[in-house]
Amino acid sequence: MVSRSSSRHYSFVKLSKISIITASFNSEATIHDAISSVNDQSYPNIEHVFIDGASNDRTLEIVKEESRVENSIISEPDTGIYDALNKGIQHATGDVIGFLHADDYLNDSYVLESIAERFTCSQTQAVYGDLIYVSRENSEKVIRYWRAGPFSESRLKWGWMPPHPTFYVRRSWYERIGGFDTKYRIAADYDSILKLFSHPDFQVEYIPEVLVKMRLGGISNNSLRSIIQKMQEDLRVVRSSGLGGIGTLLGKNLQKLQQFWKTDRK
């Protein structure tokens, strides 16, 4: 794991505990990078919660051998990714929760330090940043750059959302909305974001930096069938939220096109 240097030296008034939840299933090929990126963090108060779907490869062996921070490991069958993430929320003990999938990794050693600094403001309920998609075969090859930009209500209505792997939220808010709605197989993260961002007391802060690198090939983009299912679920989400309809869904998908024009960013 290559980390950039940092001149930031934050004085933490209150060391909020950050729980990182990693869901995995037969992830021996990639989970090392996820674990290493958490182990290498400069921020000291981290919990890493592993929710494994009863893998039958070396995933659990790698987790047990390599995780160096406070951790808990649960391995049992689940009904899908959002069932696993809900289990993670239930077992997490941190003040703040973020998700790092087994295919992804934090961009450098100062990501959680930067996030925690924003949470020293009691009014901040969530933090998010930018994300880079990389090739599954070569993590040095950038495919898409997702520059999230600042939040506004009007952008939300036109399909904007923050990159979910960069999204860190006070645990009390996940408890407030009841976690992820598992009737959605692919779009429950979008559903939870709309529930959170539509609340008038939900204050967010944007970090204009790449926080996570994500390998292509996840459940939402690994086949044409998955892409179609995601669009159908997204439409159900926006309609049930009262936010919009086809126009919102169209805007959400059109925004992805500009991500391919920013691949020079690191």
C-alpha atoms as a PDB file:
ATOM      1  CA  MET A   1       0.000   0.000   0.000  1.00  0.00           C
ATOM      2  CA  VAL A   2       1.562   3.263  -1.111  1.00  0.00           C
ATOM      3  CA  SER A   3       0.630   6.265   1.019  1.00  0.00           C
ATOM      4  CA  ARG A   4       1.132   9.933   0.292  1.00  0.00           C
ATOM      5  CA  SER A   5       2.844  12.111   2.866  1.00  0.00           C
ATOM      6  CA  SER A   6       0.805  14.603   4.852  1.00  0.00           C
ATOM      7  CA  SER A   7       1.589  17.842   6.631  1.00  0.00           C
ATOM      8  CA  ARG A   8      -1.679  17.688   8.564  1.00  0.00           C
ATOM      9  CA  HIS A   9      -1.362  17.247  12.303  1.00  0.00           C
ATOM     10  CA  TYR A  10      -4.776  17.424  13.885  1.00  0.00           C
ATOM     11  CA  SER A  11      -5.251  17.889  17.595  1.00  0.00           C
ATOM     12  CA  PHE A  12      -8.260  15.731  18.370  1.00  0.00           C
ATOM     13  CA  VAL A  13     -10.412  17.170  21.115  1.00  0.00           C
ATOM     14  CA  LYS A  14     -12.460  13.987  21.191  1.00  0.00           C
ATOM     15  CA  LEU A  15     -11.212  10.802  19.600  1.00  0.00           C
ATOM     16  CA  SER A  16     -14.381   9.521  17.966  1.00  0.00           C
ATOM     17  CA  LYS A  17     -14.245   5.786  17.413  1.00  0.00           C
ATOM     18  CA  ILE A  18     -14.650   4.930  13.741  1.00  0.00           C
ATOM     19  CA  SER A  19     -16.083   1.530  12.835  1.00  0.00           C
ATOM     20  CA  ILE A  20     -15.145   0.226   9.392  1.00  0.00           C
ATOM     21  CA  ILE A  21     -17.473  -2.536   8.188  1.00  0.00           C
ATOM     22  CA  THR A  22     -16.155  -4.929   5.556  1.00  0.00           C
ATOM     23  CA  ALA A  23     -18.510  -7.472   3.992  1.00  0.00           C
ATOM     24  CA  SER A  24     -16.839 -10.370   2.211  1.00  0.00           C
ATOM     25  CA  PHE A  25     -17.460 -13.664   0.471  1.00  0.00           C
ATOM     26  CA  ASN A  26     -14.622 -15.674  -1.051  1.00  0.00           C
ATOM     27  CA  SER A  27     -12.538 -12.499  -1.244  1.00  0.00           C
ATOM     28  CA  GLU A  28      -9.051 -13.933  -0.773  1.00  0.00           C
ATOM     29  CA  ALA A  29      -7.772 -12.218  -3.925  1.00  0.00           C
ATOM     30  CA  THR A  30      -8.482  -8.656  -2.753  1.00  0.00           C
ATOM     31  CA  ILE A  31      -9.181  -8.447   0.975  1.00  0.00           C
ATOM     32  CA  HIS A  32      -5.486  -8.052   1.829  1.00  0.00           C
ATOM     33  CA  ASP A  33      -5.502  -4.544   0.321  1.00  0.00           C
ATOM     34  CA  ALA A  34      -8.609  -3.548   2.280  1.00  0.00           C
ATOM     35  CA  ILE A  35      -7.105  -4.778   5.556  1.00  0.00           C
ATOM     36  CA  SER A  36      -3.710  -3.187   4.904  1.00  0.00           C
ATOM     37  CA  SER A  37      -5.263   0.172   4.111  1.00  0.00           C
ATOM     38  CA  VAL A  38      -7.022   0.143   7.503  1.00  0.00           C
ATOM     39  CA  ASN A  39      -3.955  -1.128   9.371  1.00  0.00           C
ATOM     40  CA  ASP A  40      -1.900   1.733   7.899  1.00  0.00           C
ATOM     41  CA  GLN A  41      -4.184   4.543   9.076  1.00  0.00           C
ATOM     42  CA  SER A  42      -2.615   7.297  11.167  1.00  0.00           C
ATOM     43  CA  TYR A  43      -5.845   7.688  13.130  1.00  0.00           C
ATOM     44  CA  PRO A  44      -5.646   5.613  16.324  1.00  0.00           C
ATOM     45  CA  ASN A  45      -9.252   4.876  17.303  1.00  0.00           C
ATOM     46  CA  ILE A  46     -10.499   2.347  14.734  1.00  0.00           C
ATOM     47  CA  GLU A  47     -12.652  -0.764  14.889  1.00  0.00           C
ATOM     48  CA  HIS A  48     -12.748  -3.116  11.901  1.00  0.00           C
ATOM     49  CA  VAL A  49     -15.889  -5.261  11.718  1.00  0.00           C
ATOM     50  CA  PHE A  50     -15.715  -8.179   9.270  1.00  0.00           C
ATOM     51  CA  ILE A  51     -19.007  -9.721   8.143  1.00  0.00           C
ATOM     52  CA  ASP A  52     -18.233 -12.785   6.065  1.00  0.00           C
ATOM     53  CA  GLY A  53     -20.847 -14.797   4.187  1.00  0.00           C
ATOM     54  CA  ALA A  54     -19.357 -18.192   5.151  1.00  0.00           C
ATOM     55  CA  SER A  55     -16.475 -18.102   2.689  1.00  0.00           C
ATOM     56  CA  ASN A  56     -14.907 -21.411   1.685  1.00  0.00           C
ATOM     57  CA  ASP A  57     -11.578 -19.972   0.512  1.00  0.00           C
ATOM     58  CA  ARG A  58      -8.775 -18.319   2.548  1.00  0.00           C
ATOM     59  CA  THR A  59     -10.691 -15.093   3.282  1.00  0.00           C
ATOM     60  CA  LEU A  60     -11.134 -15.719   7.021  1.00  0.00           C
ATOM     61  CA  GLU A  61      -7.575 -16.979   7.401  1.00  0.00           C
ATOM     62  CA  ILE A  62      -6.259 -13.762   5.855  1.00  0.00           C
ATOM     63  CA  VAL A  63      -8.497 -11.615   8.080  1.00  0.00           C
ATOM     64  CA  LYS A  64      -7.359 -13.365  11.254  1.00  0.00           C
ATOM     65  CA  GLU A  65      -3.695 -13.242  10.274  1.00  0.00           C
ATOM     66  CA  GLU A  66      -3.499  -9.682   8.960  1.00  0.00           C
ATOM     67  CA  SER A  67      -5.940  -7.390  10.801  1.00  0.00           C
ATOM     68  CA  ARG A  68      -3.957  -5.319  13.310  1.00  0.00           C
ATOM     69  CA  VAL A  69      -6.627  -3.016  14.742  1.00  0.00           C
ATOM     70  CA  GLU A  70      -9.457  -3.751  17.153  1.00  0.00           C
ATOM     71  CA  ASN A  71     -11.731  -6.098  15.249  1.00  0.00           C
ATOM     72  CA  SER A  72     -14.650  -8.478  15.357  1.00  0.00           C
ATOM     73  CA  ILE A  73     -15.318 -11.279  12.882  1.00  0.00           C
ATOM     74  CA  ILE A  74     -18.657 -12.860  12.073  1.00  0.00           C
ATOM     75  CA  SER A  75     -18.871 -15.600   9.451  1.00  0.00           C
ATOM     76  CA  GLU A  76     -22.271 -17.042   8.591  1.00  0.00           C
ATOM     77  CA  PRO A  77     -24.612 -17.217   5.593  1.00  0.00           C
ATOM     78  CA  ASP A  78     -26.547 -14.062   4.729  1.00  0.00           C
ATOM     79  CA  THR A  79     -29.276 -13.065   2.304  1.00  0.00           C
ATOM     80  CA  GLY A  80     -27.237 -10.465   0.430  1.00  0.00           C
ATOM     81  CA  ILE A  81     -24.852  -7.544   0.795  1.00  0.00           C
ATOM     82  CA  TYR A  82     -27.304  -5.314   2.685  1.00  0.00           C
ATOM     83  CA  ASP A  83     -28.147  -8.071   5.157  1.00  0.00           C
ATOM     84  CA  ALA A  84     -24.404  -8.291   5.810  1.00  0.00           C
ATOM     85  CA  LEU A  85     -24.038  -4.521   6.227  1.00  0.00           C
ATOM     86  CA  ASN A  86     -26.974  -4.432   8.642  1.00  0.00           C
ATOM     87  CA  LYS A  87     -25.241  -7.106  10.719  1.00  0.00           C
ATOM     88  CA  GLY A  88     -22.148  -4.923  10.696  1.00  0.00           C
ATOM     89  CA  ILE A  89     -24.093  -1.920  11.981  1.00  0.00           C
ATOM     90  CA  GLN A  90     -25.569  -4.055  14.760  1.00  0.00           C
ATOM     91  CA  HIS A  91     -22.137  -5.249  15.869  1.00  0.00           C
ATOM     92  CA  ALA A  92     -20.303  -1.934  15.456  1.00  0.00           C
ATOM     93  CA  THR A  93     -19.449  -0.015  18.614  1.00  0.00           C
ATOM     94  CA  GLY A  94     -18.011   3.136  17.039  1.00  0.00           C
ATOM     95  CA  ASP A  95     -19.460   6.632  17.058  1.00  0.00           C
ATOM     96  CA  VAL A  96     -19.057   6.830  13.279  1.00  0.00           C
ATOM     97  CA  ILE A  97     -19.633   4.093  10.678  1.00  0.00           C
ATOM     98  CA  GLY A  98     -18.156   3.645   7.228  1.00  0.00           C
ATOM     99  CA  PHE A  99     -18.129   0.732   4.778  1.00  0.00           C
ATOM    100  CA  LEU A 100     -15.069  -0.665   3.031  1.00  0.00           C
ATOM    101  CA  HIS A 101     -15.901  -3.555   0.745  1.00  0.00           C
ATOM    102  CA  ALA A 102     -13.435  -6.402   0.343  1.00  0.00           C
ATOM    103  CA  ASP A 103     -12.581  -5.234  -3.207  1.00  0.00           C
ATOM    104  CA  ASP A 104     -11.827  -1.638  -2.135  1.00  0.00           C
ATOM    105  CA  TYR A 105      -9.163   0.158  -0.127  1.00  0.00           C
ATOM    106  CA  LEU A 106      -8.551   3.522   1.496  1.00  0.00           C
ATOM    107  CA  ASN A 107      -6.535   5.845  -0.720  1.00  0.00           C
ATOM    108  CA  ASP A 108      -3.804   6.688   1.789  1.00  0.00           C
ATOM    109  CA  SER A 109      -2.869   6.525   5.468  1.00  0.00           C
ATOM    110  CA  TYR A 110      -4.563   9.815   6.395  1.00  0.00           C
ATOM    111  CA  VAL A 111      -8.114   9.170   5.172  1.00  0.00           C
ATOM    112  CA  LEU A 112      -9.640   8.390   8.572  1.00  0.00           C
ATOM    113  CA  GLU A 113      -7.669  11.182  10.230  1.00  0.00           C
ATOM    114  CA  SER A 114      -9.188  13.639   7.775  1.00  0.00           C
ATOM    115  CA  ILE A 115     -12.666  12.221   8.315  1.00  0.00           C
ATOM    116  CA  ALA A 116     -12.379  12.227  12.116  1.00  0.00           C
ATOM    117  CA  GLU A 117     -11.246  15.854  12.116  1.00  0.00           C
ATOM    118  CA  ARG A 118     -14.517  16.867  10.452  1.00  0.00           C
ATOM    119  CA  PHE A 119     -16.517  15.038  13.104  1.00  0.00           C
ATOM    120  CA  THR A 120     -15.014  17.161  15.881  1.00  0.00           C
ATOM    121  CA  CYS A 121     -17.788  19.579  14.916  1.00  0.00           C
ATOM    122  CA  SER A 122     -20.853  18.355  16.787  1.00  0.00           C
ATOM    123  CA  GLN A 123     -23.149  19.621  14.017  1.00  0.00           C
ATOM    124  CA  THR A 124     -21.577  17.342  11.390  1.00  0.00           C
ATOM    125  CA  GLN A 125     -23.654  14.200  10.933  1.00  0.00           C
ATOM    126  CA  ALA A 126     -21.856  12.765   7.899  1.00  0.00           C
ATOM    127  CA  VAL A 127     -18.740  13.191   5.777  1.00  0.00           C
ATOM    128  CA  TYR A 128     -17.993  12.071   2.223  1.00  0.00           C
ATOM    129  CA  GLY A 129     -15.342  12.585  -0.429  1.00  0.00           C
ATOM    130  CA  ASP A 130     -14.238  11.503  -3.898  1.00  0.00           C
ATOM    131  CA  LEU A 131     -13.719   8.005  -5.260  1.00  0.00           C
ATOM    132  CA  ILE A 132     -11.602   6.478  -8.004  1.00  0.00           C
ATOM    133  CA  TYR A 133     -12.613   3.348  -9.899  1.00  0.00           C
ATOM    134  CA  VAL A 134      -9.635   1.217 -10.856  1.00  0.00           C
ATOM    135  CA  SER A 135      -9.170  -1.834 -13.054  1.00  0.00           C
ATOM    136  CA  ARG A 136      -9.840  -5.120 -11.294  1.00  0.00           C
ATOM    137  CA  GLU A 137      -6.703  -6.613 -12.819  1.00  0.00           C
ATOM    138  CA  ASN A 138      -4.449  -3.564 -12.355  1.00  0.00           C
ATOM    139  CA  SER A 139      -5.258  -1.229  -9.455  1.00  0.00           C
ATOM    140  CA  GLU A 140      -2.842   1.376 -10.845  1.00  0.00           C
ATOM    141  CA  LYS A 141      -5.067   1.847 -13.902  1.00  0.00           C
ATOM    142  CA  VAL A 142      -7.730   4.497 -13.262  1.00  0.00           C
ATOM    143  CA  ILE A 143     -11.013   3.921 -15.128  1.00  0.00           C
ATOM    144  CA  ARG A 144     -13.323   6.549 -13.627  1.00  0.00           C
ATOM    145  CA  TYR A 145     -12.947   9.486 -11.266  1.00  0.00           C
ATOM    146  CA  TRP A 146     -16.025  10.300  -9.192  1.00  0.00           C
ATOM    147  CA  ARG A 147     -15.730  13.877  -8.014  1.00  0.00           C
ATOM    148  CA  ALA A 148     -18.719  14.181  -5.707  1.00  0.00           C
ATOM    149  CA  GLY A 149     -18.744  17.934  -5.127  1.00  0.00           C
ATOM    150  CA  PRO A 150     -20.720  19.734  -2.413  1.00  0.00           C
ATOM    151  CA  PHE A 151     -24.241  18.661  -1.532  1.00  0.00           C
ATOM    152  CA  SER A 152     -27.302  20.707  -2.399  1.00  0.00           C
ATOM    153  CA  GLU A 153     -30.981  19.782  -2.333  1.00  0.00           C
ATOM    154  CA  SER A 154     -31.383  20.670  -6.001  1.00  0.00           C
ATOM    155  CA  ARG A 155     -28.539  18.331  -7.000  1.00  0.00           C
ATOM    156  CA  LEU A 156     -30.175  15.521  -5.014  1.00  0.00           C
ATOM    157  CA  LYS A 157     -33.358  15.964  -7.050  1.00  0.00           C
ATOM    158  CA  TRP A 158     -31.333  15.591 -10.253  1.00  0.00           C
ATOM    159  CA  GLY A 159     -29.855  12.253  -9.272  1.00  0.00           C
ATOM    160  CA  TRP A 160     -26.775  13.343  -7.316  1.00  0.00           C
ATOM    161  CA  MET A 161     -25.472  11.093  -4.565  1.00  0.00           C
ATOM    162  CA  PRO A 162     -22.140  10.817  -2.757  1.00  0.00           C
ATOM    163  CA  PRO A 163     -19.940   7.766  -3.429  1.00  0.00           C
ATOM    164  CA  HIS A 164     -21.224   5.353  -0.810  1.00  0.00           C
ATOM    165  CA  PRO A 165     -17.789   3.810  -0.023  1.00  0.00           C
ATOM    166  CA  THR A 166     -16.590   7.301   1.017  1.00  0.00           C
ATOM    167  CA  PHE A 167     -19.676   8.026   3.129  1.00  0.00           C
ATOM    168  CA  TYR A 168     -19.167   8.108   6.926  1.00  0.00           C
ATOM    169  CA  VAL A 169     -22.166   8.670   9.196  1.00  0.00           C
ATOM    170  CA  ARG A 170     -22.781   8.912  12.919  1.00  0.00           C
ATOM    171  CA  ARG A 171     -24.052   5.491  14.006  1.00  0.00           C
ATOM    172  CA  SER A 172     -27.154   6.986  15.627  1.00  0.00           C
ATOM    173  CA  TRP A 173     -28.454   7.975  12.174  1.00  0.00           C
ATOM    174  CA  TYR A 174     -28.332   4.420  10.844  1.00  0.00           C
ATOM    175  CA  GLU A 175     -30.248   3.362  13.930  1.00  0.00           C
ATOM    176  CA  ARG A 176     -32.696   6.169  13.230  1.00  0.00           C
ATOM    177  CA  ILE A 177     -33.533   5.005   9.688  1.00  0.00           C
ATOM    178  CA  GLY A 178     -33.395   1.304  10.544  1.00  0.00           C
ATOM    179  CA  GLY A 179     -30.289   0.488   8.507  1.00  0.00           C
ATOM    180  CA  PHE A 180     -30.637  -0.746   4.920  1.00  0.00           C
ATOM    181  CA  ASP A 181     -33.941  -1.869   3.436  1.00  0.00           C
ATOM    182  CA  THR A 182     -33.192  -5.412   2.275  1.00  0.00           C
ATOM    183  CA  LYS A 183     -36.112  -5.517  -0.167  1.00  0.00           C
ATOM    184  CA  TYR A 184     -33.629  -3.785  -2.481  1.00  0.00           C
ATOM    185  CA  ARG A 185     -30.905  -6.111  -3.766  1.00  0.00           C
ATOM    186  CA  ILE A 186     -28.706  -3.397  -5.333  1.00  0.00           C
ATOM    187  CA  ALA A 187     -30.064   0.073  -4.504  1.00  0.00           C
ATOM    188  CA  ALA A 188     -30.525  -0.002  -0.711  1.00  0.00           C
ATOM    189  CA  ASP A 189     -27.525   2.321  -0.303  1.00  0.00           C
ATOM    190  CA  TYR A 190     -29.212   4.913  -2.546  1.00  0.00           C
ATOM    191  CA  ASP A 191     -32.436   4.466  -0.558  1.00  0.00           C
ATOM    192  CA  SER A 192     -30.606   5.080   2.730  1.00  0.00           C
ATOM    193  CA  ILE A 193     -28.859   8.164   1.346  1.00  0.00           C
ATOM    194  CA  LEU A 194     -32.147   9.723   0.253  1.00  0.00           C
ATOM    195  CA  LYS A 195     -33.651   9.019   3.675  1.00  0.00           C
ATOM    196  CA  LEU A 196     -30.691  10.649   5.410  1.00  0.00           C
ATOM    197  CA  PHE A 197     -30.145  13.640   3.124  1.00  0.00           C
ATOM    198  CA  SER A 198     -33.834  14.535   3.043  1.00  0.00           C
ATOM    199  CA  HIS A 199     -33.883  15.079   6.809  1.00  0.00           C
ATOM    200  CA  PRO A 200     -33.614  18.806   7.711  1.00  0.00           C
ATOM    201  CA  ASP A 201     -31.243  18.125  10.651  1.00  0.00           C
ATOM    202  CA  PHE A 202     -28.800  16.071   8.595  1.00  0.00           C
ATOM    203  CA  GLN A 203     -25.656  18.187   8.184  1.00  0.00           C
ATOM    204  CA  VAL A 204     -22.925  16.883   5.858  1.00  0.00           C
ATOM    205  CA  GLU A 205     -19.400  17.947   4.984  1.00  0.00           C
ATOM    206  CA  TYR A 206     -17.586  17.282   1.727  1.00  0.00           C
ATOM    207  CA  ILE A 207     -13.860  16.485   1.650  1.00  0.00           C
ATOM    208  CA  PRO A 208     -12.534  17.363  -1.837  1.00  0.00           C
ATOM    209  CA  GLU A 209     -10.026  14.510  -1.862  1.00  0.00           C
ATOM    210  CA  VAL A 210      -9.979  10.914  -3.072  1.00  0.00           C
ATOM    211  CA  LEU A 211     -10.797   8.787  -0.038  1.00  0.00           C
ATOM    212  CA  VAL A 212     -11.314   5.338  -1.575  1.00  0.00           C
ATOM    213  CA  LYS A 213     -10.179   3.336  -4.574  1.00  0.00           C
ATOM    214  CA  MET A 214     -12.745   0.840  -5.818  1.00  0.00           C
ATOM    215  CA  ARG A 215     -12.177  -2.076  -8.164  1.00  0.00           C
ATOM    216  CA  LEU A 216     -14.679  -2.368 -10.989  1.00  0.00           C
ATOM    217  CA  GLY A 217     -16.812  -5.480 -11.107  1.00  0.00           C
ATOM    218  CA  GLY A 218     -19.117  -5.073  -8.104  1.00  0.00           C
ATOM    219  CA  ILE A 219     -22.659  -6.380  -7.895  1.00  0.00           C
ATOM    220  CA  SER A 220     -24.220  -3.255  -9.453  1.00  0.00           C
ATOM    221  CA  ASN A 221     -22.086  -3.217 -12.617  1.00  0.00           C
ATOM    222  CA  ASN A 222     -20.951  -6.782 -13.250  1.00  0.00           C
ATOM    223  CA  SER A 223     -23.509  -7.575 -15.990  1.00  0.00           C
ATOM    224  CA  LEU A 224     -26.168  -5.999 -18.185  1.00  0.00           C
ATOM    225  CA  ARG A 225     -28.804  -7.749 -16.087  1.00  0.00           C
ATOM    226  CA  SER A 226     -27.426  -6.158 -12.908  1.00  0.00           C
ATOM    227  CA  ILE A 227     -27.355  -2.711 -14.521  1.00  0.00           C
ATOM    228  CA  ILE A 228     -30.992  -3.050 -15.594  1.00  0.00           C
ATOM    229  CA  GLN A 229     -32.005  -4.298 -12.147  1.00  0.00           C
ATOM    230  CA  LYS A 230     -30.208  -1.378 -10.519  1.00  0.00           C
ATOM    231  CA  MET A 231     -32.004   1.142 -12.738  1.00  0.00           C
ATOM    232  CA  GLN A 232     -35.339  -0.455 -11.889  1.00  0.00           C
ATOM    233  CA  GLU A 233     -34.586  -0.366  -8.178  1.00  0.00           C
ATOM    234  CA  ASP A 234     -33.282   3.214  -8.372  1.00  0.00           C
ATOM    235  CA  LEU A 235     -36.572   4.272  -9.958  1.00  0.00           C
ATOM    236  CA  ARG A 236     -38.514   2.591  -7.149  1.00  0.00           C
ATOM    237  CA  VAL A 237     -36.304   4.376  -4.608  1.00  0.00           C
ATOM    238  CA  VAL A 238     -36.778   7.880  -6.037  1.00  0.00           C
ATOM    239  CA  ARG A 239     -40.522   7.391  -6.439  1.00  0.00           C
ATOM    240  CA  SER A 240     -40.969   6.043  -2.893  1.00  0.00           C
ATOM    241  CA  SER A 241     -38.933   8.959  -1.530  1.00  0.00           C
ATOM    242  CA  GLY A 242     -41.151  11.487  -3.318  1.00  0.00           C
ATOM    243  CA  LEU A 243     -38.003  13.080  -4.720  1.00  0.00           C
ATOM    244  CA  GLY A 244     -38.745  12.594  -8.409  1.00  0.00           C
ATOM    245  CA  GLY A 245     -39.066   9.976 -11.122  1.00  0.00           C
ATOM    246  CA  ILE A 246     -37.627   9.249 -14.557  1.00  0.00           C
ATOM    247  CA  GLY A 247     -35.901  12.660 -14.714  1.00  0.00           C
ATOM    248  CA  THR A 248     -34.034  11.975 -11.474  1.00  0.00           C
ATOM    249  CA  LEU A 249     -32.978   8.545 -12.703  1.00  0.00           C
ATOM    250  CA  LEU A 250     -31.832   9.988 -16.038  1.00  0.00           C
ATOM    251  CA  GLY A 251     -29.798  12.656 -14.261  1.00  0.00           C
ATOM    252  CA  LYS A 252     -28.229  10.057 -11.983  1.00  0.00           C
ATOM    253  CA  ASN A 253     -26.998   8.023 -14.929  1.00  0.00           C
ATOM    254  CA  LEU A 254     -25.895  10.984 -17.053  1.00  0.00           C
ATOM    255  CA  GLN A 255     -23.685  12.203 -14.215  1.00  0.00           C
ATOM    256  CA  LYS A 256     -21.661   9.013 -14.497  1.00  0.00           C
ATOM    257  CA  LEU A 257     -20.470   9.952 -17.995  1.00  0.00           C
ATOM    258  CA  GLN A 258     -18.299  12.834 -16.764  1.00  0.00           C
ATOM    259  CA  GLN A 259     -16.449  10.445 -14.455  1.00  0.00           C
ATOM    260  CA  PHE A 260     -14.659   8.971 -17.470  1.00  0.00           C
ATOM    261  CA  TRP A 261     -13.192  12.395 -18.358  1.00  0.00           C
ATOM    262  CA  LYS A 262     -11.327  12.812 -15.064  1.00  0.00           C
ATOM    263  CA  THR A 263      -9.104   9.764 -15.063  1.00  0.00           C
ATOM    264  CA  ASP A 264      -5.948  11.865 -14.839  1.00  0.00           C
ATOM    265  CA  ARG A 265      -6.729  12.717 -11.207  1.00  0.00           C
ATOM    266  CA  LYS A 266      -4.897  10.738  -8.471  1.00  0.00           C
END
